[in-house]
């Protein structure tokens, strides 16, 4: 019996909790991949951050799920599954993370002016 080698098309083996826990720091950032876009980014300062790469509208995008151990391996996998569902429904999972409410220049100027009027004392207003 011979040893069966993995072909280039096979997916990488999934991470194990111990691999994540004992990932050591290096001089540069490196990634521990879990598959389907999910990976753990290990930084030189010792932080371990869950990230997921995905494609939407022909562009590669990146989601951050949080830091290990606050976000466990199991929780990161659950979040990956939720992202896959949103992608399957045709949505962009990264778009829901950012509020789109932007004020116009006029709204910002009126708001600033209102605050400015409250800050001025009565003596300055009489001189205007």
Foldseek 3Di string as FASTA:
>chain_A
DDDDDDDPPDWDDADDQVCQVPPDADPAWDWDDGDPQWIWIAGNVGWTWIKGWDDAPNDIDMDTDGTPPVQGPVNSVVVSVVCVVCVVVRHHPVVVVDDPDDDDPVVVVVVVVVVVVVPDDPVVVVVD
